[in-house]
N, C-alpha and C. Protein backbone atom coordinates (compact mmCIF):
# COMPACT_ATOMS: atom_id res chain seq x y z
N GLY A 1 0.80 -1.18 0.00
CA GLY A 1 0.00 0.00 0.00
C GLY A 1 0.85 1.24 0.00
N GLY A 2 0.19 2.39 -0.20
CA GLY A 2 0.86 3.68 -0.22
C GLY A 2 1.21 4.14 1.17
N GLN A 3 2.27 4.89 1.26
CA GLN A 3 2.67 5.44 2.55
C GLN A 3 2.24 6.90 2.65
N ILE A 4 1.91 7.31 3.84
CA ILE A 4 1.51 8.69 4.09
C ILE A 4 2.70 9.43 4.67
N ASP A 5 3.00 10.58 4.09
CA ASP A 5 4.12 11.41 4.56
C ASP A 5 3.64 12.21 5.76
N THR A 6 4.11 11.87 6.96
CA THR A 6 3.68 12.55 8.18
C THR A 6 4.69 13.59 8.67
N THR A 7 5.68 13.90 7.84
CA THR A 7 6.62 14.96 8.21
C THR A 7 5.90 16.30 8.12
N GLU A 8 6.50 17.34 8.69
CA GLU A 8 5.89 18.68 8.62
C GLU A 8 5.67 19.08 7.16
N GLY A 9 6.69 18.86 6.32
CA GLY A 9 6.58 19.20 4.91
C GLY A 9 5.46 18.43 4.23
N GLY A 10 5.33 17.15 4.57
CA GLY A 10 4.27 16.32 4.01
C GLY A 10 2.89 16.80 4.42
N LYS A 11 2.76 17.21 5.67
CA LYS A 11 1.47 17.73 6.16
C LYS A 11 1.12 19.04 5.45
N VAL A 12 2.11 19.90 5.29
CA VAL A 12 1.87 21.17 4.60
C VAL A 12 1.46 20.90 3.15
N ASP A 13 2.16 19.99 2.48
CA ASP A 13 1.82 19.66 1.09
C ASP A 13 0.42 19.08 0.98
N ALA A 14 0.01 18.26 1.93
CA ALA A 14 -1.35 17.70 1.92
C ALA A 14 -2.38 18.81 2.09
N LEU A 15 -2.12 19.73 2.99
CA LEU A 15 -3.02 20.86 3.20
C LEU A 15 -3.10 21.73 1.95
N LEU A 16 -1.95 21.95 1.30
CA LEU A 16 -1.94 22.73 0.07
C LEU A 16 -2.80 22.07 -1.01
N GLY A 17 -2.71 20.75 -1.11
CA GLY A 17 -3.53 20.02 -2.07
C GLY A 17 -5.01 20.21 -1.81
N LEU A 18 -5.40 20.17 -0.54
CA LEU A 18 -6.80 20.39 -0.19
C LEU A 18 -7.25 21.80 -0.53
N LEU A 19 -6.42 22.78 -0.20
CA LEU A 19 -6.77 24.17 -0.50
C LEU A 19 -6.83 24.41 -2.01
N TYR A 20 -5.89 23.83 -2.75
CA TYR A 20 -5.87 23.97 -4.21
C TYR A 20 -7.17 23.45 -4.81
N SER A 21 -7.66 22.36 -4.27
CA SER A 21 -8.88 21.75 -4.81
C SER A 21 -10.12 22.61 -4.56
N ARG A 22 -10.01 23.61 -3.71
CA ARG A 22 -11.15 24.50 -3.44
C ARG A 22 -11.47 25.38 -4.64
N GLY A 23 -10.51 25.50 -5.60
CA GLY A 23 -10.76 26.26 -6.82
C GLY A 23 -10.78 27.76 -6.63
N LYS A 24 -9.93 28.25 -5.72
CA LYS A 24 -9.88 29.70 -5.46
C LYS A 24 -8.50 30.22 -5.83
N GLY A 25 -8.34 30.57 -7.11
CA GLY A 25 -7.07 31.09 -7.61
C GLY A 25 -7.02 32.59 -7.57
N TYR A 26 -6.31 33.17 -8.53
CA TYR A 26 -6.14 34.62 -8.61
C TYR A 26 -7.49 35.30 -8.82
N ASP A 27 -7.72 36.38 -8.09
CA ASP A 27 -8.92 37.20 -8.24
C ASP A 27 -8.51 38.64 -7.99
N SER A 28 -8.60 39.48 -9.04
CA SER A 28 -8.11 40.86 -8.92
C SER A 28 -8.84 41.65 -7.84
N SER A 29 -10.11 41.36 -7.61
CA SER A 29 -10.85 42.11 -6.59
C SER A 29 -10.43 41.70 -5.18
N LEU A 30 -9.89 40.48 -5.02
CA LEU A 30 -9.46 40.02 -3.70
C LEU A 30 -7.99 40.32 -3.41
N VAL A 31 -7.15 40.31 -4.43
CA VAL A 31 -5.70 40.44 -4.21
C VAL A 31 -5.30 41.88 -3.90
N ASP A 32 -6.08 42.84 -4.35
CA ASP A 32 -5.74 44.26 -4.20
C ASP A 32 -5.56 44.65 -2.73
N GLY A 33 -4.46 45.35 -2.43
CA GLY A 33 -4.26 45.87 -1.08
C GLY A 33 -3.11 45.24 -0.32
N ASP A 34 -3.14 45.42 1.02
CA ASP A 34 -2.06 45.01 1.92
C ASP A 34 -2.11 43.54 2.31
N TRP A 35 -0.90 42.93 2.41
CA TRP A 35 -0.74 41.55 2.87
C TRP A 35 0.50 41.46 3.74
N ARG A 36 0.52 40.51 4.70
CA ARG A 36 1.68 40.27 5.57
C ARG A 36 2.11 38.81 5.43
N LEU A 37 3.41 38.60 5.27
CA LEU A 37 3.95 37.25 5.17
C LEU A 37 3.90 36.58 6.54
N VAL A 38 3.33 35.36 6.59
CA VAL A 38 3.29 34.62 7.85
C VAL A 38 4.10 33.32 7.77
N LEU A 39 4.36 32.83 6.56
CA LEU A 39 5.12 31.60 6.40
C LEU A 39 5.74 31.59 5.01
N SER A 40 6.99 31.16 4.95
CA SER A 40 7.61 30.95 3.64
C SER A 40 8.47 29.70 3.72
N ARG A 41 8.57 29.03 2.60
CA ARG A 41 9.39 27.84 2.50
C ARG A 41 10.16 27.94 1.19
N GLU A 42 11.48 27.82 1.28
CA GLU A 42 12.32 27.93 0.10
C GLU A 42 12.04 26.80 -0.87
N GLY A 43 12.19 27.12 -2.15
CA GLY A 43 12.07 26.11 -3.19
C GLY A 43 13.41 25.43 -3.42
N GLN A 44 13.52 24.72 -4.53
CA GLN A 44 14.75 23.99 -4.86
C GLN A 44 15.90 24.93 -5.22
N LYS A 45 15.62 26.00 -5.94
CA LYS A 45 16.67 26.91 -6.41
C LYS A 45 16.30 28.36 -6.09
N PRO A 46 16.24 28.72 -4.81
CA PRO A 46 15.86 30.09 -4.48
C PRO A 46 16.98 31.06 -4.86
N PRO A 47 16.59 32.31 -5.25
CA PRO A 47 17.61 33.31 -5.50
C PRO A 47 18.40 33.58 -4.21
N LYS A 48 19.65 34.01 -4.32
CA LYS A 48 20.49 34.25 -3.14
C LYS A 48 19.85 35.26 -2.20
N ILE A 49 19.24 36.30 -2.75
CA ILE A 49 18.62 37.33 -1.90
C ILE A 49 17.45 36.73 -1.12
N GLN A 50 16.69 35.80 -1.73
CA GLN A 50 15.57 35.16 -1.03
C GLN A 50 16.08 34.26 0.08
N LYS A 51 17.19 33.56 -0.16
CA LYS A 51 17.78 32.73 0.89
C LYS A 51 18.12 33.58 2.11
N LEU A 52 18.73 34.73 1.88
CA LEU A 52 19.14 35.62 2.96
C LEU A 52 17.92 36.13 3.72
N VAL A 53 16.91 36.60 3.00
CA VAL A 53 15.72 37.16 3.64
C VAL A 53 14.92 36.08 4.35
N ASP A 54 14.71 34.90 3.71
CA ASP A 54 13.89 33.85 4.30
C ASP A 54 14.47 33.29 5.60
N LYS A 55 15.79 33.23 5.73
CA LYS A 55 16.38 32.70 6.95
C LYS A 55 16.02 33.57 8.16
N LYS A 56 15.79 34.84 7.93
CA LYS A 56 15.51 35.76 9.02
C LYS A 56 14.03 36.12 9.13
N ALA A 57 13.21 35.68 8.21
CA ALA A 57 11.82 36.09 8.17
C ALA A 57 11.04 35.56 9.37
N LYS A 58 10.29 36.44 9.98
CA LYS A 58 9.39 36.10 11.06
C LYS A 58 8.05 36.73 10.71
N VAL A 59 7.01 36.33 11.42
CA VAL A 59 5.69 36.90 11.18
C VAL A 59 5.78 38.42 11.31
N ASN A 60 5.18 39.09 10.37
CA ASN A 60 5.07 40.55 10.35
C ASN A 60 6.40 41.26 10.06
N THR A 61 7.37 40.59 9.46
CA THR A 61 8.61 41.25 9.08
C THR A 61 8.70 41.44 7.56
N ALA A 62 7.63 41.09 6.86
CA ALA A 62 7.59 41.27 5.42
C ALA A 62 6.17 41.67 5.02
N GLU A 63 6.08 42.63 4.11
CA GLU A 63 4.79 43.14 3.65
C GLU A 63 4.73 43.08 2.13
N ASN A 64 3.52 42.95 1.61
CA ASN A 64 3.25 43.07 0.18
C ASN A 64 2.08 44.01 0.01
N PHE A 65 2.10 44.77 -1.07
CA PHE A 65 0.95 45.60 -1.41
C PHE A 65 0.68 45.40 -2.89
N PHE A 66 -0.48 44.85 -3.21
CA PHE A 66 -0.89 44.68 -4.60
C PHE A 66 -1.70 45.88 -5.03
N ASP A 67 -1.29 46.52 -6.13
CA ASP A 67 -2.05 47.61 -6.73
C ASP A 67 -2.50 47.11 -8.11
N VAL A 68 -3.71 46.59 -8.17
CA VAL A 68 -4.21 45.98 -9.40
C VAL A 68 -4.30 47.00 -10.53
N ASP A 69 -4.69 48.24 -10.22
CA ASP A 69 -4.83 49.26 -11.26
C ASP A 69 -3.52 49.53 -11.98
N SER A 70 -2.41 49.57 -11.25
CA SER A 70 -1.11 49.84 -11.87
C SER A 70 -0.41 48.57 -12.34
N GLY A 71 -0.87 47.41 -11.87
CA GLY A 71 -0.23 46.15 -12.23
C GLY A 71 1.12 45.97 -11.55
N ILE A 72 1.27 46.59 -10.36
CA ILE A 72 2.54 46.49 -9.61
C ILE A 72 2.23 45.96 -8.21
N PHE A 73 3.05 45.02 -7.74
CA PHE A 73 3.00 44.73 -6.31
C PHE A 73 4.37 45.05 -5.75
N SER A 74 4.32 45.67 -4.60
CA SER A 74 5.56 46.08 -3.95
C SER A 74 5.76 45.24 -2.70
N GLY A 75 7.02 45.00 -2.38
CA GLY A 75 7.34 44.21 -1.21
C GLY A 75 8.33 44.93 -0.34
N ILE A 76 8.22 44.73 0.96
CA ILE A 76 9.17 45.27 1.93
C ILE A 76 9.55 44.13 2.86
N ASN A 77 10.85 43.88 2.98
CA ASN A 77 11.37 42.90 3.94
C ASN A 77 12.26 43.66 4.92
N TYR A 78 11.99 43.50 6.20
CA TYR A 78 12.75 44.20 7.23
C TYR A 78 13.91 43.34 7.72
N THR A 79 14.99 44.00 8.11
CA THR A 79 16.11 43.29 8.70
C THR A 79 15.68 42.75 10.07
N PRO A 80 16.41 41.79 10.64
CA PRO A 80 15.98 41.16 11.90
C PRO A 80 15.70 42.16 13.03
N ARG A 81 16.47 43.23 13.14
CA ARG A 81 16.22 44.20 14.22
C ARG A 81 15.30 45.33 13.77
N GLY A 82 14.86 45.30 12.51
CA GLY A 82 13.91 46.29 12.02
C GLY A 82 14.50 47.62 11.63
N ASN A 83 15.83 47.74 11.60
CA ASN A 83 16.43 49.03 11.28
C ASN A 83 16.84 49.15 9.81
N GLY A 84 16.53 48.17 9.01
CA GLY A 84 16.80 48.23 7.59
C GLY A 84 15.67 47.58 6.82
N LYS A 85 15.50 47.99 5.56
CA LYS A 85 14.45 47.37 4.76
C LYS A 85 14.85 47.27 3.30
N LEU A 86 14.49 46.14 2.73
CA LEU A 86 14.69 45.85 1.32
C LEU A 86 13.34 46.03 0.64
N LYS A 87 13.28 46.91 -0.36
CA LYS A 87 12.03 47.16 -1.08
C LYS A 87 12.16 46.63 -2.50
N SER A 88 11.06 46.13 -3.01
CA SER A 88 11.03 45.68 -4.40
C SER A 88 9.73 46.11 -5.05
N ALA A 89 9.78 46.28 -6.36
CA ALA A 89 8.60 46.58 -7.16
C ALA A 89 8.54 45.53 -8.27
N VAL A 90 7.39 44.88 -8.40
CA VAL A 90 7.23 43.79 -9.36
C VAL A 90 6.02 44.08 -10.25
N LYS A 91 6.26 44.12 -11.54
CA LYS A 91 5.18 44.27 -12.51
C LYS A 91 4.54 42.90 -12.68
N PHE A 92 3.20 42.83 -12.56
CA PHE A 92 2.53 41.53 -12.68
C PHE A 92 1.38 41.61 -13.67
N ASN A 93 1.05 40.44 -14.20
CA ASN A 93 -0.04 40.35 -15.16
C ASN A 93 -0.60 38.92 -15.14
N PRO A 94 -1.92 38.76 -14.96
CA PRO A 94 -2.50 37.42 -15.02
C PRO A 94 -2.28 36.83 -16.41
N VAL A 95 -1.94 35.55 -16.46
CA VAL A 95 -1.68 34.89 -17.75
C VAL A 95 -2.52 33.61 -17.86
N ALA A 96 -2.65 33.12 -19.08
CA ALA A 96 -3.49 31.95 -19.34
C ALA A 96 -2.83 30.63 -18.95
N GLU A 97 -1.52 30.63 -18.78
CA GLU A 97 -0.83 29.39 -18.43
C GLU A 97 -1.26 28.89 -17.06
N ASN A 98 -1.33 27.59 -16.90
CA ASN A 98 -1.59 26.94 -15.62
C ASN A 98 -2.98 27.24 -15.05
N PHE A 99 -3.98 27.42 -15.91
CA PHE A 99 -5.34 27.64 -15.42
C PHE A 99 -6.01 26.31 -15.12
N ASP A 100 -7.11 26.38 -14.37
CA ASP A 100 -7.93 25.20 -14.08
C ASP A 100 -9.36 25.49 -14.49
N MET A 101 -10.14 24.44 -14.62
CA MET A 101 -11.58 24.58 -14.84
C MET A 101 -12.29 24.19 -13.55
N GLY A 102 -13.13 25.07 -13.07
CA GLY A 102 -13.88 24.78 -11.85
C GLY A 102 -15.03 23.82 -12.14
N GLY A 103 -15.61 23.26 -11.10
CA GLY A 103 -16.74 22.35 -11.24
C GLY A 103 -17.93 23.00 -11.91
N ASP A 104 -18.01 24.35 -11.82
CA ASP A 104 -19.11 25.08 -12.44
C ASP A 104 -18.79 25.50 -13.88
N GLY A 105 -17.63 25.05 -14.40
CA GLY A 105 -17.25 25.36 -15.77
C GLY A 105 -16.51 26.67 -15.93
N LYS A 106 -16.29 27.40 -14.85
CA LYS A 106 -15.57 28.67 -14.92
C LYS A 106 -14.07 28.43 -14.92
N VAL A 107 -13.36 29.31 -15.61
CA VAL A 107 -11.90 29.25 -15.65
C VAL A 107 -11.34 29.82 -14.35
N ILE A 108 -10.39 29.11 -13.74
CA ILE A 108 -9.72 29.57 -12.53
C ILE A 108 -8.31 29.99 -12.92
N ILE A 109 -8.04 31.28 -12.84
CA ILE A 109 -6.71 31.78 -13.16
C ILE A 109 -5.80 31.46 -11.98
N ARG A 110 -4.68 30.83 -12.26
CA ARG A 110 -3.74 30.44 -11.22
C ARG A 110 -2.45 31.24 -11.26
N ARG A 111 -2.03 31.71 -12.43
CA ARG A 111 -0.69 32.27 -12.58
C ARG A 111 -0.71 33.75 -12.95
N ILE A 112 0.24 34.48 -12.32
CA ILE A 112 0.55 35.83 -12.76
C ILE A 112 2.03 35.86 -13.14
N SER A 113 2.32 36.53 -14.26
CA SER A 113 3.72 36.71 -14.63
C SER A 113 4.29 37.81 -13.75
N CYS A 114 5.56 37.73 -13.41
CA CYS A 114 6.19 38.68 -12.49
C CYS A 114 7.56 39.10 -13.01
N ASP A 115 7.73 40.39 -13.22
CA ASP A 115 9.02 40.95 -13.62
C ASP A 115 9.45 41.98 -12.59
N ILE A 116 10.60 41.76 -11.96
CA ILE A 116 11.11 42.73 -11.00
C ILE A 116 11.55 43.97 -11.77
N VAL A 117 10.97 45.11 -11.42
CA VAL A 117 11.27 46.35 -12.14
C VAL A 117 12.01 47.38 -11.27
N GLY A 118 12.17 47.10 -9.99
CA GLY A 118 12.90 48.01 -9.12
C GLY A 118 13.18 47.39 -7.77
N ALA A 119 14.30 47.82 -7.17
CA ALA A 119 14.66 47.35 -5.83
C ALA A 119 15.59 48.36 -5.17
N SER A 120 15.50 48.44 -3.84
CA SER A 120 16.37 49.34 -3.09
C SER A 120 16.56 48.80 -1.68
N PHE A 121 17.60 49.31 -1.01
CA PHE A 121 17.87 48.94 0.38
C PHE A 121 18.12 50.21 1.17
N LYS A 122 17.46 50.30 2.33
CA LYS A 122 17.62 51.45 3.22
C LYS A 122 18.00 50.91 4.59
N TYR A 123 19.10 51.45 5.16
CA TYR A 123 19.52 51.03 6.48
C TYR A 123 19.61 52.25 7.38
N TRP A 124 18.87 52.19 8.45
CA TRP A 124 18.85 53.18 9.50
C TRP A 124 18.75 54.58 8.90
N LYS A 125 19.70 55.49 9.21
CA LYS A 125 19.64 56.87 8.72
C LYS A 125 20.43 57.09 7.43
N LEU A 126 21.02 56.01 6.94
CA LEU A 126 21.80 56.11 5.71
C LEU A 126 20.87 56.33 4.52
N PRO A 127 21.39 56.91 3.44
CA PRO A 127 20.54 57.12 2.26
C PRO A 127 20.10 55.80 1.62
N THR A 128 18.99 55.85 0.93
CA THR A 128 18.49 54.67 0.22
C THR A 128 19.44 54.32 -0.92
N LEU A 129 19.75 53.04 -1.03
CA LEU A 129 20.66 52.55 -2.05
C LEU A 129 19.86 51.79 -3.11
N PRO A 130 19.79 52.32 -4.34
CA PRO A 130 19.10 51.56 -5.40
C PRO A 130 19.89 50.30 -5.72
N LEU A 131 19.21 49.21 -5.95
CA LEU A 131 19.87 47.94 -6.27
C LEU A 131 19.61 47.59 -7.74
N PRO A 132 20.61 47.03 -8.39
CA PRO A 132 20.44 46.71 -9.82
C PRO A 132 19.72 45.38 -10.05
N LEU A 133 18.72 45.09 -9.24
CA LEU A 133 17.97 43.84 -9.41
C LEU A 133 16.87 44.04 -10.45
N ARG A 134 16.97 43.33 -11.53
CA ARG A 134 15.93 43.32 -12.56
C ARG A 134 15.83 41.87 -13.00
N ALA A 135 14.63 41.38 -13.11
CA ALA A 135 14.44 40.00 -13.54
C ALA A 135 13.13 39.88 -14.29
N LYS A 136 13.17 39.24 -15.43
CA LYS A 136 11.97 39.01 -16.23
C LYS A 136 11.70 37.52 -16.30
N GLY A 137 10.44 37.18 -16.47
CA GLY A 137 10.09 35.79 -16.72
C GLY A 137 9.71 34.98 -15.50
N GLY A 138 9.61 35.61 -14.33
CA GLY A 138 9.18 34.89 -13.15
C GLY A 138 7.66 34.78 -13.12
N TYR A 139 7.16 34.01 -12.18
CA TYR A 139 5.71 33.93 -12.02
C TYR A 139 5.36 33.50 -10.60
N LEU A 140 4.12 33.72 -10.25
CA LEU A 140 3.53 33.22 -9.00
C LEU A 140 2.29 32.44 -9.36
N ASP A 141 2.16 31.25 -8.81
CA ASP A 141 0.94 30.47 -8.95
C ASP A 141 0.12 30.61 -7.67
N PHE A 142 -1.14 30.94 -7.83
CA PHE A 142 -2.04 31.10 -6.70
C PHE A 142 -2.63 29.74 -6.34
N ILE A 143 -2.19 29.21 -5.21
CA ILE A 143 -2.69 27.92 -4.71
C ILE A 143 -4.08 28.11 -4.13
N TYR A 144 -4.23 29.20 -3.36
CA TYR A 144 -5.50 29.49 -2.69
C TYR A 144 -5.54 30.97 -2.35
N MET A 145 -6.73 31.56 -2.46
CA MET A 145 -6.90 32.95 -2.03
C MET A 145 -8.36 33.20 -1.67
N ASP A 146 -8.54 33.82 -0.51
CA ASP A 146 -9.85 34.33 -0.14
C ASP A 146 -9.65 35.75 0.37
N GLU A 147 -10.61 36.29 1.09
CA GLU A 147 -10.53 37.67 1.56
C GLU A 147 -9.36 37.91 2.52
N ASP A 148 -8.94 36.88 3.25
CA ASP A 148 -7.95 37.04 4.31
C ASP A 148 -6.64 36.29 4.10
N ILE A 149 -6.62 35.28 3.26
CA ILE A 149 -5.45 34.40 3.11
C ILE A 149 -5.06 34.30 1.64
N ARG A 150 -3.76 34.40 1.38
CA ARG A 150 -3.23 34.21 0.02
C ARG A 150 -2.05 33.25 0.10
N ILE A 151 -2.11 32.16 -0.65
CA ILE A 151 -1.03 31.17 -0.68
C ILE A 151 -0.54 31.07 -2.12
N THR A 152 0.74 31.33 -2.32
CA THR A 152 1.30 31.31 -3.66
C THR A 152 2.58 30.47 -3.69
N LYS A 153 2.91 30.03 -4.88
CA LYS A 153 4.14 29.28 -5.11
C LYS A 153 4.87 29.94 -6.26
N GLY A 154 6.15 30.24 -6.06
CA GLY A 154 6.93 30.94 -7.06
C GLY A 154 7.51 30.01 -8.11
N ASN A 155 8.05 30.61 -9.17
CA ASN A 155 8.60 29.82 -10.27
C ASN A 155 9.83 29.02 -9.86
N ARG A 156 10.46 29.34 -8.73
CA ARG A 156 11.59 28.55 -8.24
C ARG A 156 11.19 27.63 -7.10
N GLY A 157 9.87 27.47 -6.89
CA GLY A 157 9.37 26.51 -5.92
C GLY A 157 9.12 27.06 -4.52
N GLY A 158 9.42 28.32 -4.28
CA GLY A 158 9.17 28.91 -2.96
C GLY A 158 7.68 28.99 -2.67
N LEU A 159 7.32 28.72 -1.43
CA LEU A 159 5.93 28.77 -0.98
C LEU A 159 5.77 29.98 -0.06
N PHE A 160 4.70 30.76 -0.28
CA PHE A 160 4.48 31.98 0.49
C PHE A 160 3.04 32.04 0.97
N VAL A 161 2.86 32.20 2.29
CA VAL A 161 1.53 32.33 2.87
C VAL A 161 1.43 33.74 3.44
N HIS A 162 0.44 34.47 2.97
CA HIS A 162 0.21 35.85 3.41
C HIS A 162 -1.19 35.98 4.01
N PHE A 163 -1.31 36.81 5.04
CA PHE A 163 -2.60 37.15 5.64
C PHE A 163 -2.81 38.65 5.49
N ARG A 164 -4.07 39.05 5.46
CA ARG A 164 -4.40 40.48 5.56
C ARG A 164 -3.97 40.95 6.95
N PRO A 165 -3.50 42.21 7.08
CA PRO A 165 -3.05 42.69 8.40
C PRO A 165 -4.11 42.56 9.49
N GLU A 166 -5.37 42.84 9.17
CA GLU A 166 -6.43 42.76 10.16
C GLU A 166 -6.65 41.31 10.61
N PHE A 167 -6.59 40.39 9.64
CA PHE A 167 -6.78 38.96 9.95
C PHE A 167 -5.60 38.44 10.78
N LEU A 168 -4.39 38.87 10.42
CA LEU A 168 -3.20 38.47 11.19
C LEU A 168 -3.32 38.94 12.63
N GLU A 169 -3.75 40.17 12.83
CA GLU A 169 -3.91 40.71 14.19
C GLU A 169 -4.94 39.88 14.95
N GLN A 170 -6.03 39.53 14.29
CA GLN A 170 -7.09 38.73 14.92
C GLN A 170 -6.56 37.35 15.30
N VAL A 171 -5.79 36.72 14.43
CA VAL A 171 -5.26 35.39 14.68
C VAL A 171 -4.22 35.41 15.79
N MET A 172 -3.41 36.47 15.85
CA MET A 172 -2.34 36.56 16.82
C MET A 172 -2.83 36.90 18.23
N ASN A 173 -4.05 37.40 18.35
CA ASN A 173 -4.58 37.75 19.68
C ASN A 173 -5.30 36.60 20.32
């Protein structure tokens, strides 16, 4: 018979499969606005900058803001003591690749293309340092999204769970 993976990673993957089956992918009316990173898991080939940030990431030390009208989502990752921040701007666009068909016959958009168009680092009182980070051809797959929770998987296999700030505050209390 088949074996069940009871490791933490196996449990997370099983939960992701259940959430994926709910048929709640990308939705522009839901994604717009503020999000806080609550969990991340590196993929097989994470970028060096992601490795550095993910090792130090804790709840509420990373933010995302999706602006659907401009097609840009911005990210802020804080240093462990909170006195520095790495900012990024990513141009995104929903694409037809990796879509699903829902039980009701509706198309479920899963993927957005992502091109890094700007990045900078600011530490304490020092001036902001623009970074030459530019990358085209990335993507995020939406595993699950509702009004309060967004779970995505990047093109290099990284897993990202974000909550709305209000929902995070409610859960943490």
